[in-house]
Amino acid sequence: MVDLMTEVEVMRALGIFSVIAVVFPTAKLLYRVWKNSVPRSIVFVDNNGHVVKEITADSVQRMDTEELVSLHNRIRQKHDLSIGTRAA
């Protein structure tokens, strides 16, 4: 004859499944929130909404100092750029 699961075993299995059903989506949500909350780049946008310059960690090492100086002068003199961040 086939041994069926007892009531205690069924309750334990359902408990494990319900914990997994809560923990897995919560962990996935927390990972996505953490991943999107860390800025990956700095974006300079002018008054018209055009992206003037986007600076990432990789592009800083390759940037020309003259380019940074001209961007700095534009920010100081014209005051027409806003600074934001992008996560992805």
Protein backbone atom coordinates (compact mmCIF):
# COMPACT_ATOMS: atom_id res chain seq x y z
CA MET A 1 0.00 0.00 0.00
CA VAL A 2 1.12 3.57 -0.63
CA ASP A 3 1.99 5.71 2.38
CA LEU A 4 0.37 9.11 2.08
CA MET A 5 1.74 12.18 3.72
CA THR A 6 0.57 12.86 7.20
CA GLU A 7 -1.17 16.09 8.11
CA VAL A 8 2.00 17.41 9.79
CA GLU A 9 4.12 16.72 6.67
CA VAL A 10 1.56 18.46 4.46
CA MET A 11 1.55 21.50 6.75
CA ARG A 12 5.37 21.64 6.73
CA ALA A 13 5.48 21.41 2.93
CA LEU A 14 2.87 24.15 2.57
CA GLY A 15 4.77 26.28 5.08
CA ILE A 16 8.00 25.91 3.11
CA PHE A 17 6.26 26.75 -0.17
CA SER A 18 4.58 29.81 1.30
CA VAL A 19 7.87 31.08 2.75
CA ILE A 20 9.52 30.64 -0.66
CA ALA A 21 6.56 32.39 -2.31
CA VAL A 22 7.18 35.44 -0.11
CA VAL A 23 10.99 35.48 0.17
CA PHE A 24 11.89 35.03 -3.51
CA PRO A 25 9.82 37.94 -4.94
CA THR A 26 10.83 40.17 -2.02
CA ALA A 27 14.52 39.44 -2.60
CA LYS A 28 14.12 40.07 -6.32
CA LEU A 29 12.39 43.41 -5.64
CA LEU A 30 15.04 44.50 -3.14
CA TYR A 31 17.81 43.63 -5.60
CA ARG A 32 16.19 45.71 -8.35
CA VAL A 33 15.68 48.67 -5.99
CA TRP A 34 19.32 48.47 -4.87
CA LYS A 35 20.58 48.15 -8.46
CA ASN A 36 18.58 51.17 -9.63
CA SER A 37 19.41 53.34 -6.63
CA VAL A 38 23.16 53.36 -7.30
CA PRO A 39 23.93 56.05 -9.88
CA ARG A 40 25.98 54.84 -12.83
CA SER A 41 26.53 58.18 -14.55
CA ILE A 42 26.26 61.93 -14.15
CA VAL A 43 24.27 63.70 -16.84
CA PHE A 44 24.49 67.39 -17.79
CA VAL A 45 21.30 68.64 -19.46
CA ASP A 46 20.71 72.11 -20.94
CA ASN A 47 17.50 74.17 -20.68
CA ASN A 48 16.08 72.60 -23.86
CA GLY A 49 16.39 69.10 -22.43
CA HIS A 50 19.33 68.03 -24.59
CA VAL A 51 22.04 65.95 -22.96
CA VAL A 52 25.26 67.96 -23.21
CA LYS A 53 27.57 65.45 -21.51
CA GLU A 54 27.23 62.12 -19.74
CA ILE A 55 30.08 61.10 -17.49
CA THR A 56 30.54 57.52 -16.33
CA ALA A 57 33.28 55.94 -14.27
CA ASP A 58 34.90 54.54 -17.42
CA SER A 59 34.71 57.76 -19.42
CA VAL A 60 36.43 59.88 -16.74
CA GLN A 61 39.76 58.20 -17.39
CA ARG A 62 39.47 58.77 -21.16
CA MET A 63 38.23 62.39 -21.01
CA ASP A 64 40.34 65.26 -22.21
CA THR A 65 41.03 67.93 -19.60
CA GLU A 66 40.13 70.66 -22.12
CA GLU A 67 36.67 69.14 -22.42
CA LEU A 68 36.19 69.23 -18.65
CA VAL A 69 37.46 72.83 -18.49
CA SER A 70 35.02 73.95 -21.19
CA LEU A 71 32.14 72.18 -19.44
CA HIS A 72 33.13 73.82 -16.15
CA ASN A 73 33.29 77.26 -17.79
CA ARG A 74 29.86 76.78 -19.39
CA ILE A 75 28.35 75.87 -16.03
CA ARG A 76 30.00 78.87 -14.33
CA GLN A 77 29.20 81.47 -16.96
CA LYS A 78 25.88 80.54 -18.53
CA HIS A 79 24.13 78.68 -15.70
CA ASP A 80 22.09 76.83 -18.33
CA LEU A 81 22.91 73.25 -17.34
CA SER A 82 21.26 71.05 -14.76
CA ILE A 83 22.94 68.01 -13.30
CA GLY A 84 21.25 64.64 -12.80
CA THR A 85 22.14 60.98 -12.42
CA ARG A 86 21.22 57.83 -14.30
CA ALA A 87 21.00 54.46 -12.68
CA ALA A 88 21.15 52.21 -15.69
